Amino acid sequence: MRIRRSYASIVLGIFLLALLGACGGGGGSSSPAPVATTTITGTVFAAPVRGARVSAKNASGYTVAGPVTTSSDGAFSIDVPTVSLSGDLRIESEEGTYLDEATGETTTAGRLAAFAPSGSLRAGSSVNLDPSSTIICDLVTGQGKTLAEANTIFTSAFGYTPDTSVSPINAPSPGTDKSQSLAGLRAIAFSQLTYDLGLGAERQFDMLAALGQDLSDGILDGKNGTAPVMIVAGAEMPEDIQNKFEDSLLGLLANTAVNQTGLTADQVGALPFSKTVMTAGYKVEYIPGAMAAAQGKTMFTIRLTDRTTGKPAAGKAVGLMPKMHMASMSHSAPVGAVIDNNDGTYSCTVYYLMASGPGMGIWELKVTIGGMSGESATFYPSVGMSMGTTSKANLKGVADLIPAMGGTGTTSRTYPLFYDGMSGGMGGSSTFRLFIAASDDMMLMKWPAVSIGTTLHDQNGTAWTVNSMTVEASTDKSAWLPGTDDGNGHWSVPGLTGLSSGGAVYVRVVVNGEQKTTDGKSVSGDNGYQTFTVVSGM
């Protein structure tokens, strides 16, 4: 009997334990406590990628949220554990399809990503994945860069810093804020770049990964250190990939069939200014002068290397064709003679009429080799505002007219006077030098240098010759000293005295008997000369 009671007690104990377990230990719930989450929204954009699977991963690559699927416009919403926001996260997408802008083909998307540093996300945050954010993320998570380092490297390479809170669109941005359209233009530039490199649309994602590898050494030059970077087997990253990105981006501005942002050149900002271009026969390098490119006289060197022999290419006919892309028009700029230094380098001068950048436009500088039928390389210099000494001042014709912009009516011919240097220093006797050009075709915006013998054209297109021309300068508007025509638009006025730093040099110009004025009206009062403020050392 004792044994039976013990056995019964054991069975009863097991039953009671099971019952307590089922009840959660005295009446508690078995459901785990709910995990607090924060909703993050965003888009996946190569064009809008539909059906992409989006996940959030922590610094160890562990998925903490998702995957969720993007809608037809590339949008997603993902609930991330709030505790995970205190650490670094990367939001990644894979697969899905989009309509590639450059080719018009429906394309399967590869990986896109964005890096979110610890503490940067909260309720209402938006994280948008596009080619730019992907390269930044790869530099941080794959190449060991800090986010600050990655942003600096990217900005140097591409000319802008991505903002993952901005949702790209290939359409005009609502209102006056152009940030979405600009993000869209820059995103589709990578699609265009893929096409311009001769790669299939689906290879864009291989190219993005390769760009991250290229930039791991901080320089976008087709190499990681000295090792060439491969996009895919058989496709090496070009040495002038930075210049090719500039070409692709600027080419999109005029291609409204692909680019629907409505942006103009003055809204794009500065391009990165690649200084290397590879043509079929030459490596063409832009070597800045002692002073960076700026409004007014800018001197620099072009170096040519024969790509077949690897040797300096001397004795070539090198020409310069600057062009300013603005909101609704384009114009050129005067250039000086190109000097062959007989060692593969060529000394060059451009007289920029204005600065580039936001609100202004983009300067293009085409370097021709062997004339118009030869090879050419195009650079996109960042041209700054002039500082110190007045770099440029304008005089205008009175009866000296040309057709107005648009071909309707006439306008006064403009004579830009460029400061070309000074010798002799301050206080003593100084020689003041100018370069003088003239507008000669408002449709083509030609700016020939002006010296005696120069041919210009009037408002009817009739050619006429500069038979007489005087250039005079003064430091007191009383004693005017005559200038010397040094040819090809260069003039020098010796013997100026009494000039101190911050002082003024006054210049007046007469062409074929007509004195040019600041306002295009007959000489009256102080409109018959221009004023240059001269700063010591400039």
Protein backbone atom coordinates (compact mmCIF):
# COMPACT_ATOMS: atom_id res chain seq x y z
CA MET A 1 0.00 0.00 0.00
CA ARG A 2 2.87 2.41 0.80
CA ILE A 3 4.38 1.84 -2.61
CA ARG A 4 1.09 2.52 -4.36
CA ARG A 5 0.61 5.81 -2.47
CA SER A 6 4.13 6.96 -3.41
CA TYR A 7 3.51 6.16 -7.09
CA ALA A 8 0.24 8.07 -6.99
CA SER A 9 1.97 11.05 -5.40
CA ILE A 10 4.56 11.11 -8.20
CA VAL A 11 1.87 11.01 -10.89
CA LEU A 12 -0.06 13.79 -9.15
CA GLY A 13 3.10 15.92 -8.90
CA ILE A 14 3.82 15.55 -12.58
CA PHE A 15 0.27 16.52 -13.42
CA LEU A 16 0.40 19.60 -11.22
CA LEU A 17 3.75 20.71 -12.74
CA ALA A 18 2.35 20.32 -16.23
CA LEU A 19 -0.70 22.29 -15.27
CA LEU A 20 1.39 25.09 -13.79
CA GLY A 21 3.56 25.20 -16.94
CA ALA A 22 0.53 25.46 -19.16
CA CYS A 23 -0.80 28.32 -17.05
CA GLY A 24 2.50 30.21 -17.15
CA GLY A 25 3.26 29.64 -13.54
CA GLY A 26 0.35 30.68 -11.45
CA GLY A 27 -1.76 32.67 -13.91
CA GLY A 28 0.93 34.53 -16.07
CA SER A 29 0.83 34.71 -19.93
CA SER A 30 3.11 32.58 -22.13
CA SER A 31 3.30 35.25 -24.91
CA PRO A 32 6.65 37.11 -25.06
CA ALA A 33 6.64 40.80 -24.22
CA PRO A 34 6.08 42.86 -27.42
CA VAL A 35 9.23 44.41 -28.97
CA ALA A 36 9.08 48.18 -29.42
CA THR A 37 9.64 49.19 -33.06
CA THR A 38 10.13 52.41 -35.00
CA THR A 39 8.76 52.78 -38.52
CA ILE A 40 11.27 53.93 -41.14
CA THR A 41 10.14 54.79 -44.65
CA GLY A 42 12.02 55.37 -47.88
CA THR A 43 12.41 54.50 -51.54
CA VAL A 44 14.61 52.30 -53.68
CA PHE A 45 15.66 54.25 -56.78
CA ALA A 46 17.68 53.35 -59.82
CA ALA A 47 14.51 54.48 -61.40
CA PRO A 48 11.75 53.45 -58.96
CA VAL A 49 12.40 49.76 -58.17
CA ARG A 50 9.23 47.75 -57.63
CA GLY A 51 9.16 44.43 -55.82
CA ALA A 52 12.55 44.91 -54.17
CA ARG A 53 13.09 43.18 -50.83
CA VAL A 54 14.31 45.66 -48.22
CA SER A 55 15.97 44.69 -44.93
CA ALA A 56 17.64 46.49 -42.05
CA LYS A 57 20.94 45.01 -40.84
CA ASN A 58 23.12 45.84 -37.88
CA ALA A 59 26.87 46.40 -37.85
CA SER A 60 27.47 42.62 -37.78
CA GLY A 61 25.35 42.11 -40.88
CA TYR A 62 22.54 40.47 -38.88
CA THR A 63 19.05 41.22 -40.19
CA VAL A 64 17.05 43.02 -37.50
CA ALA A 65 14.00 43.91 -39.62
CA GLY A 66 12.42 42.85 -42.87
CA PRO A 67 12.45 41.96 -45.58
CA VAL A 68 9.58 44.11 -46.79
CA THR A 69 8.65 44.64 -50.42
CA THR A 70 8.66 47.94 -52.31
CA SER A 71 5.54 49.18 -54.06
CA SER A 72 5.32 50.19 -57.73
CA ASP A 73 6.87 53.59 -56.99
CA GLY A 74 9.80 52.07 -55.12
CA ALA A 75 8.47 53.07 -51.68
CA PHE A 76 8.81 50.92 -48.55
CA SER A 77 7.97 51.03 -44.86
CA ILE A 78 9.89 48.91 -42.39
CA ASP A 79 9.47 48.48 -38.61
CA VAL A 80 12.89 48.42 -36.99
CA PRO A 81 13.35 47.37 -33.34
CA THR A 82 13.81 50.66 -31.51
CA VAL A 83 16.73 49.24 -29.55
CA SER A 84 18.57 48.66 -32.85
CA LEU A 85 18.54 52.39 -33.65
CA SER A 86 21.23 52.98 -31.04
CA GLY A 87 23.72 51.18 -33.27
CA ASP A 88 24.86 51.61 -36.87
CA LEU A 89 22.44 50.21 -39.43
CA ARG A 90 22.48 49.63 -43.13
CA ILE A 91 19.28 49.46 -45.13
CA GLU A 92 19.68 47.13 -48.10
CA SER A 93 17.52 46.09 -51.02
CA GLU A 94 17.87 43.29 -53.50
CA GLU A 95 16.05 42.17 -56.60
CA GLY A 96 12.94 43.92 -57.90
CA THR A 97 12.60 45.47 -61.34
CA TYR A 98 12.80 48.97 -62.78
CA LEU A 99 12.66 50.71 -66.15
CA ASP A 100 16.25 51.68 -66.90
CA GLU A 101 16.25 55.28 -68.15
CA ALA A 102 19.23 55.10 -70.48
CA THR A 103 18.01 52.03 -72.38
CA GLY A 104 14.27 51.98 -71.73
CA GLU A 105 14.60 48.31 -70.77
CA THR A 106 12.88 46.58 -67.85
CA THR A 107 15.83 45.53 -65.71
CA THR A 108 16.31 43.33 -62.66
CA ALA A 109 17.86 45.38 -59.88
CA GLY A 110 20.92 44.34 -57.92
CA ARG A 111 21.91 45.46 -54.45
CA LEU A 112 21.31 49.06 -53.34
CA ALA A 113 22.06 50.27 -49.84
CA ALA A 114 22.28 53.22 -47.46
CA PHE A 115 24.24 53.60 -44.24
CA ALA A 116 22.51 55.05 -41.15
CA PRO A 117 24.89 55.86 -38.26
CA SER A 118 23.82 55.18 -34.69
CA GLY A 119 21.22 57.58 -33.35
CA SER A 120 20.42 59.10 -36.75
CA LEU A 121 17.03 57.42 -37.22
CA ARG A 122 13.81 58.06 -35.33
CA ALA A 123 10.09 57.92 -35.95
CA GLY A 124 9.37 59.71 -39.24
CA SER A 125 12.89 59.25 -40.64
CA SER A 126 13.24 58.54 -44.34
CA VAL A 127 16.12 56.55 -45.83
CA ASN A 128 16.36 56.50 -49.61
CA LEU A 129 18.53 53.99 -51.44
CA ASP A 130 20.15 54.98 -54.73
CA PRO A 131 23.53 54.59 -56.48
CA SER A 132 25.17 57.40 -54.47
CA SER A 133 24.07 56.05 -51.09
CA THR A 134 25.22 52.58 -52.14
CA ILE A 135 28.78 53.73 -52.86
CA ILE A 136 28.90 55.59 -49.53
CA CYS A 137 27.59 52.51 -47.68
CA ASP A 138 30.19 50.29 -49.35
CA LEU A 139 33.01 52.64 -48.37
CA VAL A 140 31.89 52.45 -44.74
CA THR A 141 30.89 48.80 -44.39
CA GLY A 142 33.22 47.27 -46.96
CA GLN A 143 36.27 49.54 -47.04
CA GLY A 144 36.54 50.52 -43.37
CA LYS A 145 35.97 54.25 -43.81
CA THR A 146 34.17 56.41 -41.29
CA LEU A 147 31.03 58.07 -42.62
CA ALA A 148 32.81 61.44 -42.62
CA GLU A 149 35.72 59.96 -44.60
CA ALA A 150 33.36 58.27 -47.04
CA ASN A 151 31.44 61.49 -47.65
CA THR A 152 34.68 63.43 -48.24
CA ILE A 153 35.97 60.83 -50.69
CA PHE A 154 32.65 60.66 -52.54
CA THR A 155 32.33 64.44 -52.79
CA SER A 156 35.83 64.74 -54.21
CA ALA A 157 35.03 62.06 -56.76
CA PHE A 158 31.56 63.14 -57.87
CA GLY A 159 31.21 66.78 -56.85
CA TYR A 160 28.34 66.45 -54.35
CA THR A 161 27.46 64.86 -51.00
CA PRO A 162 24.43 62.54 -51.06
CA ASP A 163 21.55 63.14 -48.65
CA THR A 164 19.70 59.88 -47.96
CA SER A 165 16.72 61.77 -46.49
CA VAL A 166 15.86 63.12 -49.95
CA SER A 167 13.70 60.92 -52.17
CA PRO A 168 14.96 61.06 -55.80
CA ILE A 169 12.46 61.69 -58.58
CA ASN A 170 12.94 61.94 -62.32
CA ALA A 171 10.43 64.77 -62.55
CA PRO A 172 10.31 68.44 -61.56
CA SER A 173 10.39 68.78 -57.78
CA PRO A 174 7.28 70.35 -56.28
CA GLY A 175 7.54 74.03 -55.40
CA THR A 176 10.89 75.76 -55.44
CA ASP A 177 12.83 72.95 -53.73
CA LYS A 178 14.85 71.24 -56.46
CA SER A 179 16.59 68.73 -54.17
CA GLN A 180 14.47 65.74 -55.22
CA SER A 181 14.97 66.43 -58.92
CA LEU A 182 18.69 66.95 -58.42
CA ALA A 183 18.93 63.65 -56.53
CA GLY A 184 17.01 62.02 -59.37
CA LEU A 185 19.27 63.48 -62.06
CA ARG A 186 22.38 62.31 -60.23
CA ALA A 187 20.91 58.83 -59.75
CA ILE A 188 20.04 58.36 -63.41
CA ALA A 189 23.50 59.65 -64.34
CA PHE A 190 24.81 56.28 -63.13
CA SER A 191 22.39 54.54 -65.47
CA GLN A 192 23.66 56.76 -68.29
CA LEU A 193 27.27 56.11 -67.26
CA THR A 194 26.67 52.36 -67.43
CA TYR A 195 25.28 52.77 -70.94
CA ASP A 196 28.11 55.11 -72.00
CA LEU A 197 30.64 52.48 -70.86
CA GLY A 198 29.01 49.98 -73.21
CA LEU A 199 27.66 47.78 -70.42
CA GLY A 200 24.23 46.20 -70.13
CA ALA A 201 21.76 47.96 -67.84
CA GLU A 202 21.94 45.16 -65.25
CA ARG A 203 25.69 45.76 -64.90
CA GLN A 204 25.08 49.09 -63.16
CA PHE A 205 25.18 47.28 -59.82
CA ASP A 206 28.50 45.64 -60.61
CA MET A 207 29.77 49.10 -61.56
CA LEU A 208 28.62 50.58 -58.24
CA ALA A 209 30.48 47.88 -56.32
CA ALA A 210 33.57 48.49 -58.47
CA LEU A 211 33.37 52.25 -57.81
CA GLY A 212 33.50 51.50 -54.08
CA GLN A 213 36.64 49.43 -54.64
CA ASP A 214 38.16 52.16 -56.81
CA LEU A 215 37.54 54.77 -54.11
CA SER A 216 38.98 52.66 -51.30
CA ASP A 217 42.31 54.48 -51.82
CA GLY A 218 40.52 57.85 -51.87
CA ILE A 219 40.98 58.55 -55.60
CA LEU A 220 38.60 57.84 -58.47
CA ASP A 221 41.04 56.76 -61.17
CA GLY A 222 40.15 53.21 -62.22
CA LYS A 223 42.62 51.68 -59.76
CA ASN A 224 42.74 50.48 -56.18
CA GLY A 225 46.24 51.64 -55.34
CA THR A 226 48.11 50.49 -58.44
CA ALA A 227 45.86 47.51 -59.24
CA PRO A 228 43.25 48.00 -61.99
CA VAL A 229 39.65 47.64 -60.85
CA MET A 230 37.44 45.31 -62.87
CA ILE A 231 33.73 46.07 -63.26
CA VAL A 232 33.07 42.58 -64.59
CA ALA A 233 35.35 40.08 -66.28
CA GLY A 234 36.74 41.74 -69.40
CA ALA A 235 35.57 45.25 -68.44
CA GLU A 236 38.19 47.34 -66.68
CA MET A 237 37.27 50.58 -64.93
CA PRO A 238 38.54 53.42 -67.16
CA GLU A 239 41.29 55.65 -65.81
CA ASP A 240 39.15 58.69 -66.70
CA ILE A 241 35.97 57.34 -65.09
CA GLN A 242 35.51 60.64 -63.24
CA ASN A 243 35.46 62.56 -66.51
CA LYS A 244 33.07 60.02 -68.02
CA PHE A 245 30.66 60.59 -65.12
CA GLU A 246 30.79 64.33 -65.84
CA ASP A 247 30.09 63.67 -69.52
CA SER A 248 27.12 61.45 -68.64
CA LEU A 249 25.63 63.92 -66.19
CA LEU A 250 25.97 66.93 -68.47
CA GLY A 251 24.72 64.92 -71.45
CA LEU A 252 21.50 64.17 -69.56
CA LEU A 253 20.69 67.86 -69.17
CA ALA A 254 19.92 68.18 -72.88
CA ASN A 255 18.32 64.74 -73.21
CA THR A 256 14.79 65.54 -72.09
CA ALA A 257 13.54 62.19 -73.37
CA VAL A 258 15.44 60.57 -70.50
CA ASN A 259 15.91 63.46 -68.07
CA GLN A 260 12.51 64.77 -67.06
CA THR A 261 13.65 66.82 -64.05
CA GLY A 262 13.48 70.13 -65.92
CA LEU A 263 16.77 71.18 -64.32
CA THR A 264 19.12 73.54 -66.12
CA ALA A 265 22.89 73.90 -65.96
CA ASP A 266 22.74 76.69 -63.38
CA GLN A 267 20.91 74.35 -60.97
CA VAL A 268 23.32 71.41 -61.09
CA GLY A 269 26.21 72.94 -59.17
CA ALA A 270 29.90 72.34 -59.76
CA LEU A 271 31.10 69.14 -61.37
CA PRO A 272 34.08 67.36 -59.79
CA PHE A 273 36.51 68.72 -62.44
CA SER A 274 38.37 65.63 -63.55
CA LYS A 275 41.80 66.54 -64.85
CA THR A 276 42.42 63.44 -66.96
CA VAL A 277 40.74 62.47 -70.23
CA MET A 278 41.64 59.50 -72.42
CA THR A 279 41.11 59.94 -76.16
CA ALA A 280 41.78 57.28 -78.78
CA GLY A 281 45.38 58.37 -79.19
CA TYR A 282 46.27 60.48 -76.17
CA LYS A 283 46.16 60.80 -72.43
CA VAL A 284 45.19 64.45 -71.96
CA GLU A 285 45.88 66.07 -68.60
CA TYR A 286 44.87 69.47 -67.29
CA ILE A 287 47.56 70.87 -64.98
CA PRO A 288 46.33 73.89 -62.98
CA GLY A 289 48.44 77.01 -62.89
CA ALA A 290 49.64 78.81 -59.79
CA MET A 291 46.14 80.23 -59.38
CA ALA A 292 42.93 78.20 -59.62
CA ALA A 293 40.56 78.89 -62.50
CA ALA A 294 38.65 82.12 -61.87
CA GLN A 295 36.80 84.84 -63.69
CA GLY A 296 39.32 86.70 -65.79
CA LYS A 297 42.74 85.48 -66.90
CA THR A 298 43.36 81.82 -66.08
CA MET A 299 46.62 80.12 -67.03
CA PHE A 300 47.14 76.35 -67.05
CA THR A 301 49.02 73.61 -68.87
CA ILE A 302 47.78 70.77 -71.06
CA ARG A 303 49.99 67.67 -71.12
CA LEU A 304 49.68 65.13 -73.94
CA THR A 305 50.99 61.59 -73.72
CA ASP A 306 50.88 59.24 -76.70
CA ARG A 307 48.88 56.20 -75.55
CA THR A 308 50.69 53.85 -77.94
CA THR A 309 54.26 54.78 -77.07
CA GLY A 310 53.76 56.28 -73.61
CA LYS A 311 55.94 59.20 -74.67
CA PRO A 312 55.22 62.96 -74.52
CA ALA A 313 53.36 64.16 -77.62
CA ALA A 314 55.00 67.40 -78.75
CA GLY A 315 54.38 69.34 -81.94
CA LYS A 316 50.61 68.91 -81.98
CA ALA A 317 48.12 71.56 -83.06
CA VAL A 318 46.30 72.16 -79.77
CA GLY A 319 43.24 74.42 -79.61
CA LEU A 320 40.89 75.59 -76.86
CA MET A 321 37.11 75.92 -77.08
CA PRO A 322 35.51 77.13 -73.82
CA LYS A 323 31.72 77.13 -73.54
CA MET A 324 29.50 78.27 -70.68
CA HIS A 325 26.25 76.31 -70.23
CA MET A 326 23.63 78.53 -68.58
CA ALA A 327 19.90 78.27 -67.87
CA SER A 328 18.66 79.31 -71.30
CA MET A 329 21.76 80.02 -73.38
CA SER A 330 25.42 79.22 -73.88
CA HIS A 331 28.41 81.38 -74.72
CA SER A 332 32.15 81.02 -75.23
CA ALA A 333 35.10 82.99 -73.84
CA PRO A 334 38.23 84.57 -75.33
CA VAL A 335 41.38 82.47 -75.39
CA GLY A 336 45.05 83.29 -75.70
CA ALA A 337 47.55 81.63 -78.00
CA VAL A 338 48.49 78.06 -77.09
CA ILE A 339 52.27 77.72 -76.71
CA ASP A 340 53.97 74.41 -77.51
CA ASN A 341 56.75 73.86 -74.94
CA ASN A 342 58.23 71.06 -77.10
CA ASP A 343 58.05 68.52 -74.26
CA GLY A 344 54.46 67.34 -74.60
CA THR A 345 53.13 70.26 -72.55
CA TYR A 346 51.25 73.27 -73.89
CA SER A 347 50.83 76.56 -72.05
CA CYS A 348 47.26 77.82 -72.27
CA THR A 349 45.23 80.87 -71.28
CA VAL A 350 41.47 81.34 -71.10
CA TYR A 351 39.85 84.64 -70.20
CA TYR A 352 36.70 83.56 -68.41
CA LEU A 353 33.82 86.01 -68.63
CA MET A 354 32.10 84.80 -65.46
CA ALA A 355 32.30 82.29 -62.63
CA SER A 356 30.56 78.92 -62.67
CA GLY A 357 28.50 77.14 -60.04
CA PRO A 358 24.97 77.28 -58.59
CA GLY A 359 22.94 80.10 -60.06
CA MET A 360 25.52 80.59 -62.82
CA GLY A 361 26.17 77.51 -64.94
CA ILE A 362 28.83 75.03 -66.00
CA TRP A 363 31.99 75.80 -67.95
CA GLU A 364 33.04 73.25 -70.56
CA LEU A 365 36.58 73.39 -71.95
CA LYS A 366 37.17 71.38 -75.10
CA VAL A 367 40.79 70.76 -76.01
CA THR A 368 41.23 69.90 -79.67
CA ILE A 369 44.25 68.00 -80.96
CA GLY A 370 44.97 68.22 -84.67
CA GLY A 371 42.20 70.69 -85.49
CA MET A 372 38.44 70.28 -85.58
CA SER A 373 38.69 66.98 -87.48
CA GLY A 374 41.16 65.55 -84.97
CA GLU A 375 40.65 64.22 -81.45
CA SER A 376 39.24 66.20 -78.55
CA ALA A 377 39.06 66.03 -74.75
CA THR A 378 36.49 67.90 -72.68
CA PHE A 379 37.10 69.19 -69.17
CA TYR A 380 34.63 70.89 -66.83
CA PRO A 381 36.63 73.42 -64.80
CA SER A 382 35.22 74.95 -61.66
CA VAL A 383 35.67 78.69 -62.23
CA GLY A 384 35.66 80.85 -59.12
CA MET A 385 34.84 84.48 -58.51
CA SER A 386 37.68 86.94 -58.97
CA MET A 387 39.44 88.21 -55.87
CA GLY A 388 41.68 91.21 -55.28
CA THR A 389 42.56 93.11 -58.44
CA THR A 390 39.64 93.74 -60.80
CA SER A 391 39.84 90.88 -63.27
CA LYS A 392 37.44 92.15 -65.93
CA ALA A 393 35.51 95.29 -66.86
CA ASN A 394 33.28 96.00 -69.86
CA LEU A 395 33.02 98.87 -72.31
CA LYS A 396 30.32 99.05 -74.98
CA GLY A 397 29.89 100.39 -78.46
CA VAL A 398 27.69 103.43 -79.14
CA ALA A 399 26.90 103.19 -82.85
CA ASP A 400 28.90 99.94 -82.84
CA LEU A 401 26.02 97.40 -82.85
CA ILE A 402 25.49 93.66 -83.31
CA PRO A 403 22.31 91.53 -83.51
CA ALA A 404 20.66 91.04 -80.13
CA MET A 405 20.29 87.63 -78.55
CA GLY A 406 17.44 85.75 -80.22
CA GLY A 407 18.04 87.52 -83.54
CA THR A 408 15.50 90.29 -82.93
CA GLY A 409 16.77 93.88 -82.81
CA THR A 410 20.28 95.06 -82.06
CA THR A 411 22.47 95.60 -79.02
CA SER A 412 25.72 97.40 -78.28
CA ARG A 413 28.88 95.43 -78.89
CA THR A 414 30.61 94.53 -75.64
CA TYR A 415 34.37 94.94 -75.25
CA PRO A 416 35.55 92.99 -72.16
CA LEU A 417 38.83 94.34 -70.82
CA PHE A 418 40.81 91.73 -68.86
CA TYR A 419 43.59 92.50 -66.43
CA ASP A 420 46.62 90.82 -68.01
CA GLY A 421 49.25 91.61 -65.39
CA MET A 422 51.50 94.42 -64.25
CA SER A 423 55.23 94.90 -63.95
CA GLY A 424 57.27 97.47 -62.08
CA GLY A 425 55.43 97.20 -58.76
CA MET A 426 53.67 99.85 -56.75
CA GLY A 427 54.89 103.37 -56.12
CA GLY A 428 57.32 103.63 -59.01
CA SER A 429 56.84 103.42 -62.75
CA SER A 430 54.54 100.51 -63.69
CA THR A 431 53.44 98.87 -66.91
CA PHE A 432 49.77 97.94 -66.90
CA ARG A 433 48.70 95.17 -69.30
CA LEU A 434 45.29 94.34 -70.73
CA PHE A 435 43.74 91.73 -72.96
CA ILE A 436 40.83 93.11 -75.00
CA ALA A 437 38.18 91.08 -76.81
CA ALA A 438 34.79 91.86 -78.38
CA SER A 439 31.44 90.16 -78.80
CA ASP A 440 31.01 89.43 -82.48
CA ASP A 441 28.07 87.03 -82.83
CA MET A 442 25.39 86.87 -80.13
CA MET A 443 24.02 83.64 -81.57
CA LEU A 444 27.36 81.83 -81.58
CA MET A 445 28.75 84.05 -78.83
CA LYS A 446 32.16 84.53 -80.44
CA TRP A 447 34.71 86.66 -78.61
CA PRO A 448 37.68 87.45 -80.88
CA ALA A 449 40.72 89.24 -79.51
CA VAL A 450 40.86 92.87 -80.65
CA SER A 451 43.95 94.55 -82.07
CA ILE A 452 44.57 96.68 -85.11
CA GLY A 453 43.67 94.53 -88.14
CA THR A 454 40.99 92.45 -86.34
CA THR A 455 37.87 91.70 -88.42
CA LEU A 456 34.49 92.16 -86.73
CA HIS A 457 30.89 92.06 -88.01
CA ASP A 458 28.12 94.62 -87.63
CA GLN A 459 24.41 94.16 -86.93
CA ASN A 460 23.82 93.18 -90.55
CA GLY A 461 26.61 90.60 -90.59
CA THR A 462 28.82 92.88 -92.70
CA ALA A 463 32.54 92.49 -91.97
CA TRP A 464 34.62 95.50 -91.02
CA THR A 465 38.24 95.94 -89.96
CA VAL A 466 39.74 97.63 -86.92
CA ASN A 467 41.91 100.14 -88.76
CA SER A 468 42.66 102.37 -85.80
CA MET A 469 42.57 101.72 -82.09
CA THR A 470 43.89 103.51 -79.05
CA VAL A 471 44.06 102.23 -75.49
CA GLU A 472 45.00 104.71 -72.76
CA ALA A 473 45.38 104.42 -68.98
CA SER A 474 45.64 106.89 -66.12
CA THR A 475 45.89 106.88 -62.35
CA ASP A 476 44.29 110.32 -61.94
CA LYS A 477 41.91 110.68 -64.94
CA SER A 478 43.97 113.69 -65.96
CA ALA A 479 47.23 112.44 -67.48
CA TRP A 480 46.37 109.68 -69.98
CA LEU A 481 49.24 107.51 -71.18
CA PRO A 482 49.06 105.71 -74.55
CA GLY A 483 49.15 101.94 -74.77
CA THR A 484 51.03 99.71 -77.14
CA ASP A 485 49.33 97.11 -79.34
CA ASP A 486 51.26 93.91 -78.60
CA GLY A 487 49.09 91.88 -80.99
CA ASN A 488 46.31 89.32 -80.60
CA GLY A 489 44.36 91.49 -78.17
CA HIS A 490 47.25 92.20 -75.82
CA TRP A 491 47.91 95.83 -74.89
CA SER A 492 50.41 97.39 -72.49
CA VAL A 493 50.55 100.87 -70.99
CA PRO A 494 53.99 101.79 -69.57
CA GLY A 495 54.94 104.69 -67.33
CA LEU A 496 52.09 104.68 -64.81
CA THR A 497 53.12 106.32 -61.54
CA GLY A 498 51.55 107.06 -58.17
CA LEU A 499 49.82 103.68 -57.91
CA SER A 500 49.44 102.11 -54.45
CA SER A 501 47.81 98.85 -53.43
CA GLY A 502 44.05 99.25 -53.63
CA GLY A 503 44.45 102.18 -56.00
CA ALA A 504 42.72 102.67 -59.32
CA VAL A 505 43.81 102.48 -62.93
CA TYR A 506 41.39 104.09 -65.39
CA VAL A 507 41.22 102.76 -68.95
CA ARG A 508 39.61 104.20 -72.06
CA VAL A 509 39.37 102.66 -75.52
CA VAL A 510 38.70 104.16 -78.96
CA VAL A 511 38.07 101.94 -81.99
CA ASN A 512 37.86 103.40 -85.49
CA GLY A 513 37.22 106.84 -83.99
CA GLU A 514 34.45 105.83 -81.58
CA GLN A 515 35.15 106.03 -77.84
CA LYS A 516 33.58 103.08 -76.02
CA THR A 517 31.52 103.76 -72.92
CA THR A 518 30.30 101.89 -69.86
CA ASP A 519 26.63 102.15 -70.88
CA GLY A 520 26.69 102.21 -74.69
CA LYS A 521 25.64 105.87 -74.73
CA SER A 522 27.60 108.87 -75.98
CA VAL A 523 30.46 110.03 -73.79
CA SER A 524 29.15 112.09 -70.93
CA GLY A 525 30.68 112.55 -67.52
CA ASP A 526 32.49 109.44 -66.26
CA ASN A 527 31.03 106.82 -68.64
CA GLY A 528 33.96 107.09 -71.04
CA TYR A 529 36.37 104.88 -69.09
CA GLN A 530 36.49 101.78 -66.90
CA THR A 531 38.10 101.48 -63.49
CA PHE A 532 40.43 98.72 -62.33
CA THR A 533 41.24 98.42 -58.64
CA VAL A 534 44.77 97.03 -58.35
CA VAL A 535 45.90 95.10 -55.28
CA SER A 536 49.60 94.52 -54.60
CA GLY A 537 50.77 91.02 -55.50
CA MET A 538 47.91 90.33 -57.90
